[in-house]
N, C-alpha and C. Protein backbone atom coordinates (compact mmCIF):
# COMPACT_ATOMS: atom_id res chain seq x y z
N MET A 1 17.75 -7.29 14.83
CA MET A 1 17.57 -7.35 13.39
C MET A 1 18.13 -6.08 12.76
N SER A 2 18.89 -6.22 11.69
CA SER A 2 19.49 -5.04 11.07
C SER A 2 18.46 -4.30 10.21
N LYS A 3 18.68 -3.01 10.10
CA LYS A 3 17.80 -2.17 9.29
C LYS A 3 18.13 -2.37 7.82
N LEU A 4 17.10 -2.52 7.01
CA LEU A 4 17.29 -2.71 5.58
C LEU A 4 17.55 -1.38 4.89
N SER A 5 18.37 -1.42 3.85
CA SER A 5 18.56 -0.22 3.03
C SER A 5 17.27 0.04 2.26
N GLU A 6 17.15 1.23 1.67
CA GLU A 6 15.96 1.56 0.87
C GLU A 6 15.76 0.54 -0.25
N THR A 7 16.83 0.18 -0.92
CA THR A 7 16.76 -0.78 -2.02
C THR A 7 16.33 -2.15 -1.53
N GLU A 8 16.91 -2.59 -0.42
CA GLU A 8 16.57 -3.90 0.15
C GLU A 8 15.11 -3.94 0.59
N LEU A 9 14.65 -2.86 1.22
CA LEU A 9 13.25 -2.77 1.64
C LEU A 9 12.32 -2.84 0.44
N PHE A 10 12.62 -2.06 -0.59
CA PHE A 10 11.79 -2.08 -1.79
C PHE A 10 11.78 -3.47 -2.43
N ASP A 11 12.95 -4.08 -2.56
CA ASP A 11 13.03 -5.42 -3.17
C ASP A 11 12.23 -6.44 -2.37
N GLU A 12 12.33 -6.38 -1.04
CA GLU A 12 11.59 -7.29 -0.17
C GLU A 12 10.08 -7.12 -0.33
N GLN A 13 9.63 -5.87 -0.32
CA GLN A 13 8.19 -5.61 -0.43
C GLN A 13 7.67 -5.90 -1.83
N LEU A 14 8.47 -5.61 -2.85
CA LEU A 14 8.08 -5.92 -4.22
C LEU A 14 7.92 -7.43 -4.41
N GLU A 15 8.77 -8.20 -3.79
CA GLU A 15 8.67 -9.66 -3.88
C GLU A 15 7.36 -10.14 -3.23
N LYS A 16 6.99 -9.56 -2.09
CA LYS A 16 5.71 -9.92 -1.46
C LYS A 16 4.54 -9.59 -2.39
N ALA A 17 4.60 -8.42 -3.02
CA ALA A 17 3.52 -8.01 -3.94
C ALA A 17 3.48 -8.93 -5.16
N LYS A 18 4.64 -9.25 -5.69
CA LYS A 18 4.71 -10.16 -6.85
C LYS A 18 4.11 -11.52 -6.50
N ASN A 19 4.44 -12.03 -5.32
CA ASN A 19 3.91 -13.34 -4.92
C ASN A 19 2.39 -13.32 -4.79
N LEU A 20 1.83 -12.24 -4.32
CA LEU A 20 0.38 -12.14 -4.21
C LEU A 20 -0.27 -11.97 -5.58
N HIS A 21 0.29 -11.12 -6.40
CA HIS A 21 -0.31 -10.76 -7.69
C HIS A 21 -0.01 -11.76 -8.81
N GLY A 22 1.17 -12.38 -8.75
CA GLY A 22 1.54 -13.36 -9.76
C GLY A 22 2.57 -12.86 -10.76
N GLU A 23 2.81 -11.56 -10.81
CA GLU A 23 3.81 -10.98 -11.70
C GLU A 23 4.11 -9.56 -11.24
N VAL A 24 5.15 -9.00 -11.83
CA VAL A 24 5.47 -7.60 -11.57
C VAL A 24 5.07 -6.79 -12.79
N CYS A 25 4.20 -5.81 -12.58
CA CYS A 25 3.77 -4.91 -13.64
C CYS A 25 3.85 -3.49 -13.09
N GLY A 26 3.51 -2.51 -13.88
CA GLY A 26 3.59 -1.13 -13.45
C GLY A 26 2.78 -0.83 -12.21
N GLY A 27 1.58 -1.40 -12.13
CA GLY A 27 0.72 -1.17 -10.96
C GLY A 27 1.30 -1.76 -9.70
N ILE A 28 1.98 -2.89 -9.82
CA ILE A 28 2.61 -3.52 -8.66
C ILE A 28 3.78 -2.67 -8.17
N VAL A 29 4.59 -2.18 -9.09
CA VAL A 29 5.72 -1.33 -8.72
C VAL A 29 5.22 -0.05 -8.06
N SER A 30 4.27 0.62 -8.70
CA SER A 30 3.76 1.88 -8.16
C SER A 30 3.05 1.68 -6.82
N GLY A 31 2.22 0.66 -6.73
CA GLY A 31 1.52 0.39 -5.48
C GLY A 31 2.46 0.05 -4.34
N THR A 32 3.52 -0.67 -4.66
CA THR A 32 4.52 -1.00 -3.65
C THR A 32 5.19 0.27 -3.15
N LYS A 33 5.58 1.15 -4.06
CA LYS A 33 6.21 2.41 -3.67
C LYS A 33 5.26 3.27 -2.83
N MET A 34 4.00 3.33 -3.23
CA MET A 34 3.02 4.12 -2.48
C MET A 34 2.87 3.59 -1.06
N ALA A 35 2.72 2.28 -0.94
CA ALA A 35 2.51 1.67 0.37
C ALA A 35 3.74 1.83 1.27
N ILE A 36 4.93 1.67 0.70
CA ILE A 36 6.15 1.85 1.49
C ILE A 36 6.22 3.28 2.02
N HIS A 37 5.97 4.23 1.15
CA HIS A 37 6.02 5.64 1.57
C HIS A 37 5.02 5.91 2.70
N ALA A 38 3.79 5.44 2.53
CA ALA A 38 2.77 5.67 3.56
C ALA A 38 3.13 4.98 4.87
N MET A 39 3.59 3.75 4.79
CA MET A 39 3.94 3.02 6.00
C MET A 39 5.08 3.72 6.75
N LYS A 40 6.03 4.25 6.02
CA LYS A 40 7.12 4.99 6.67
C LYS A 40 6.60 6.26 7.32
N GLU A 41 5.78 7.02 6.60
CA GLU A 41 5.24 8.27 7.13
C GLU A 41 4.43 8.03 8.40
N LEU A 42 3.74 6.91 8.46
CA LEU A 42 2.88 6.60 9.61
C LEU A 42 3.60 5.76 10.66
N ASN A 43 4.89 5.49 10.43
CA ASN A 43 5.71 4.70 11.37
C ASN A 43 5.09 3.33 11.66
N MET A 44 4.76 2.62 10.58
CA MET A 44 4.12 1.31 10.69
C MET A 44 5.13 0.19 10.47
N ASP A 45 4.83 -0.98 10.99
CA ASP A 45 5.67 -2.17 10.87
C ASP A 45 5.40 -2.87 9.54
N PHE A 46 6.46 -3.17 8.80
CA PHE A 46 6.33 -3.85 7.51
C PHE A 46 6.18 -5.36 7.63
N ASN A 47 6.38 -5.92 8.78
CA ASN A 47 6.42 -7.38 8.90
C ASN A 47 5.16 -7.99 9.49
N GLN A 48 4.06 -7.29 9.45
CA GLN A 48 2.81 -7.83 9.97
C GLN A 48 2.02 -8.49 8.84
N LYS A 49 1.52 -9.69 9.09
CA LYS A 49 0.68 -10.34 8.09
C LYS A 49 -0.72 -9.75 8.10
N LYS A 50 -1.19 -9.36 9.28
CA LYS A 50 -2.48 -8.69 9.44
C LYS A 50 -2.21 -7.40 10.20
N ASN A 51 -2.76 -6.32 9.72
CA ASN A 51 -2.52 -5.04 10.36
C ASN A 51 -3.83 -4.54 10.94
N LYS A 52 -3.90 -4.47 12.26
CA LYS A 52 -5.13 -4.05 12.92
C LYS A 52 -5.13 -2.56 13.27
N ASP A 53 -4.03 -1.86 13.00
CA ASP A 53 -3.94 -0.44 13.33
C ASP A 53 -3.98 0.43 12.08
N LEU A 54 -4.31 -0.14 10.94
CA LEU A 54 -4.29 0.60 9.69
C LEU A 54 -5.52 0.24 8.85
N ILE A 55 -6.13 1.25 8.27
CA ILE A 55 -7.19 1.06 7.29
C ILE A 55 -6.74 1.78 6.03
N VAL A 56 -6.87 1.10 4.90
CA VAL A 56 -6.49 1.70 3.62
C VAL A 56 -7.74 1.81 2.75
N PHE A 57 -7.96 3.01 2.22
CA PHE A 57 -9.06 3.27 1.29
C PHE A 57 -8.47 3.36 -0.12
N LEU A 58 -8.75 2.35 -0.92
CA LEU A 58 -8.27 2.30 -2.31
C LEU A 58 -9.25 3.03 -3.21
N GLU A 59 -8.73 3.71 -4.21
CA GLU A 59 -9.59 4.43 -5.14
C GLU A 59 -9.61 3.81 -6.53
N ILE A 60 -9.06 2.61 -6.64
CA ILE A 60 -9.06 1.90 -7.92
C ILE A 60 -8.94 0.40 -7.64
N ASP A 61 -9.52 -0.40 -8.50
CA ASP A 61 -9.50 -1.85 -8.31
C ASP A 61 -8.56 -2.54 -9.30
N ARG A 62 -7.37 -2.01 -9.44
CA ARG A 62 -6.40 -2.55 -10.39
C ARG A 62 -5.24 -3.20 -9.63
N CYS A 63 -4.17 -3.48 -10.33
CA CYS A 63 -3.00 -4.17 -9.79
C CYS A 63 -2.44 -3.52 -8.53
N MET A 64 -2.51 -2.20 -8.48
CA MET A 64 -2.03 -1.46 -7.33
C MET A 64 -2.62 -1.99 -6.03
N ALA A 65 -3.86 -2.42 -6.06
CA ALA A 65 -4.54 -2.91 -4.86
C ALA A 65 -3.83 -4.13 -4.28
N ASP A 66 -3.36 -5.02 -5.14
CA ASP A 66 -2.65 -6.20 -4.65
C ASP A 66 -1.34 -5.83 -3.97
N ALA A 67 -0.62 -4.87 -4.55
CA ALA A 67 0.63 -4.43 -3.95
C ALA A 67 0.39 -3.82 -2.57
N ILE A 68 -0.62 -2.98 -2.48
CA ILE A 68 -0.92 -2.33 -1.20
C ILE A 68 -1.33 -3.37 -0.16
N GLN A 69 -2.11 -4.35 -0.56
CA GLN A 69 -2.49 -5.42 0.36
C GLN A 69 -1.26 -6.18 0.83
N ALA A 70 -0.36 -6.52 -0.08
CA ALA A 70 0.82 -7.30 0.28
C ALA A 70 1.73 -6.53 1.23
N VAL A 71 1.94 -5.26 0.98
CA VAL A 71 2.87 -4.46 1.79
C VAL A 71 2.27 -4.12 3.15
N THR A 72 1.00 -3.73 3.19
CA THR A 72 0.41 -3.26 4.45
C THR A 72 -0.13 -4.37 5.34
N GLY A 73 -0.49 -5.50 4.76
CA GLY A 73 -1.14 -6.55 5.54
C GLY A 73 -2.62 -6.33 5.71
N CYS A 74 -3.17 -5.28 5.09
CA CYS A 74 -4.60 -5.01 5.15
C CYS A 74 -5.31 -5.86 4.09
N SER A 75 -6.57 -6.21 4.35
CA SER A 75 -7.31 -7.00 3.37
C SER A 75 -8.80 -6.69 3.45
N LEU A 76 -9.47 -6.95 2.34
CA LEU A 76 -10.93 -6.76 2.30
C LEU A 76 -11.63 -7.66 3.30
N GLY A 77 -11.19 -8.89 3.40
CA GLY A 77 -11.82 -9.85 4.30
C GLY A 77 -11.71 -9.48 5.77
N LYS A 78 -10.66 -8.78 6.13
CA LYS A 78 -10.48 -8.33 7.51
C LYS A 78 -11.04 -6.93 7.73
N ARG A 79 -11.63 -6.37 6.67
CA ARG A 79 -12.26 -5.06 6.70
C ARG A 79 -11.29 -3.93 7.02
N THR A 80 -10.02 -4.13 6.66
CA THR A 80 -9.02 -3.09 6.84
C THR A 80 -8.59 -2.50 5.49
N LEU A 81 -9.12 -3.06 4.43
CA LEU A 81 -8.89 -2.55 3.08
C LEU A 81 -10.26 -2.24 2.49
N LYS A 82 -10.48 -0.98 2.15
CA LYS A 82 -11.79 -0.55 1.66
C LYS A 82 -11.65 -0.07 0.23
N LEU A 83 -12.55 -0.51 -0.64
CA LEU A 83 -12.53 -0.10 -2.03
C LEU A 83 -13.57 0.98 -2.28
N LYS A 84 -13.10 2.12 -2.72
CA LYS A 84 -13.94 3.23 -3.16
C LYS A 84 -13.52 3.48 -4.60
N ASN A 85 -14.11 2.77 -5.53
CA ASN A 85 -13.62 2.76 -6.91
C ASN A 85 -13.99 4.05 -7.64
N TYR A 86 -13.13 5.05 -7.49
CA TYR A 86 -13.29 6.32 -8.17
C TYR A 86 -12.50 6.37 -9.47
N GLY A 87 -11.78 5.29 -9.78
CA GLY A 87 -10.98 5.24 -10.98
C GLY A 87 -9.71 6.08 -10.90
N LYS A 88 -9.31 6.44 -9.70
CA LYS A 88 -8.09 7.23 -9.52
C LYS A 88 -6.99 6.33 -8.97
N PHE A 89 -5.81 6.56 -9.43
CA PHE A 89 -4.66 5.81 -8.96
C PHE A 89 -4.21 6.42 -7.64
N ALA A 90 -4.99 6.12 -6.57
CA ALA A 90 -4.77 6.76 -5.28
C ALA A 90 -5.22 5.85 -4.14
N ALA A 91 -4.67 6.14 -2.95
CA ALA A 91 -5.08 5.43 -1.75
C ALA A 91 -4.84 6.32 -0.54
N THR A 92 -5.70 6.18 0.47
CA THR A 92 -5.54 6.89 1.73
C THR A 92 -5.23 5.85 2.80
N PHE A 93 -4.20 6.11 3.57
CA PHE A 93 -3.73 5.22 4.62
C PHE A 93 -4.04 5.89 5.95
N TYR A 94 -4.86 5.25 6.79
CA TYR A 94 -5.31 5.84 8.05
C TYR A 94 -4.83 5.00 9.22
N LYS A 95 -4.02 5.59 10.09
CA LYS A 95 -3.52 4.91 11.28
C LYS A 95 -4.50 5.15 12.42
N ILE A 96 -5.17 4.11 12.84
CA ILE A 96 -6.26 4.20 13.81
C ILE A 96 -5.79 4.75 15.16
N SER A 97 -4.68 4.25 15.67
CA SER A 97 -4.24 4.62 17.02
C SER A 97 -3.89 6.09 17.18
N THR A 98 -3.46 6.74 16.11
CA THR A 98 -3.05 8.14 16.22
C THR A 98 -3.99 9.10 15.49
N GLY A 99 -4.84 8.56 14.62
CA GLY A 99 -5.72 9.41 13.83
C GLY A 99 -5.02 10.07 12.64
N GLU A 100 -3.77 9.71 12.41
CA GLU A 100 -3.02 10.26 11.28
C GLU A 100 -3.44 9.57 9.98
N ALA A 101 -3.38 10.31 8.89
CA ALA A 101 -3.69 9.75 7.58
C ALA A 101 -2.83 10.41 6.52
N ILE A 102 -2.60 9.67 5.47
CA ILE A 102 -1.89 10.20 4.32
C ILE A 102 -2.56 9.67 3.06
N ARG A 103 -2.82 10.57 2.11
CA ARG A 103 -3.38 10.17 0.82
C ARG A 103 -2.29 10.34 -0.21
N ILE A 104 -2.07 9.29 -0.99
CA ILE A 104 -1.06 9.31 -2.04
C ILE A 104 -1.78 9.07 -3.35
N ALA A 105 -1.51 9.94 -4.32
CA ALA A 105 -2.19 9.83 -5.62
C ALA A 105 -1.23 10.18 -6.74
N SER A 106 -1.45 9.54 -7.86
CA SER A 106 -0.73 9.90 -9.08
C SER A 106 -1.46 11.07 -9.71
N ASN A 107 -0.72 12.08 -10.14
CA ASN A 107 -1.38 13.20 -10.79
C ASN A 107 -1.29 13.09 -12.30
N LYS A 108 -0.90 11.94 -12.81
CA LYS A 108 -0.74 11.73 -14.24
C LYS A 108 -2.02 12.02 -15.01
N ASN A 109 -3.16 11.62 -14.47
CA ASN A 109 -4.42 11.77 -15.19
C ASN A 109 -5.23 12.98 -14.74
N GLU A 110 -4.67 13.80 -13.87
CA GLU A 110 -5.39 14.98 -13.39
C GLU A 110 -5.51 16.01 -14.50
N LYS A 111 -6.66 16.65 -14.58
CA LYS A 111 -6.85 17.73 -15.57
C LYS A 111 -6.26 19.00 -15.03
N LYS A 112 -5.63 19.77 -15.90
CA LYS A 112 -5.01 21.03 -15.48
C LYS A 112 -5.79 22.20 -15.98
């Protein structure tokens, strides 16, 4: 299988998120970008429907959550997607097999 370009990967994952959510909005675009970045950093497979080696802790219950679910394959029902509704546009991605984690957050609403 050939490796996808950055644009092709983003378009593919955005389409998955759109199909789950029903439309493309800002939260879907941002959540898709966050999940792609985390999955790359953790060397995770993008083509899994269910991901048993990843747990994602969401910090908001908005559109971003659907994008992260679509890209990662994690879900609330499988207990691999956890909601900690702190109202922050952020998520922590934890790779179980290695103990590695990455937290990605928007600093748009952070107080300075």
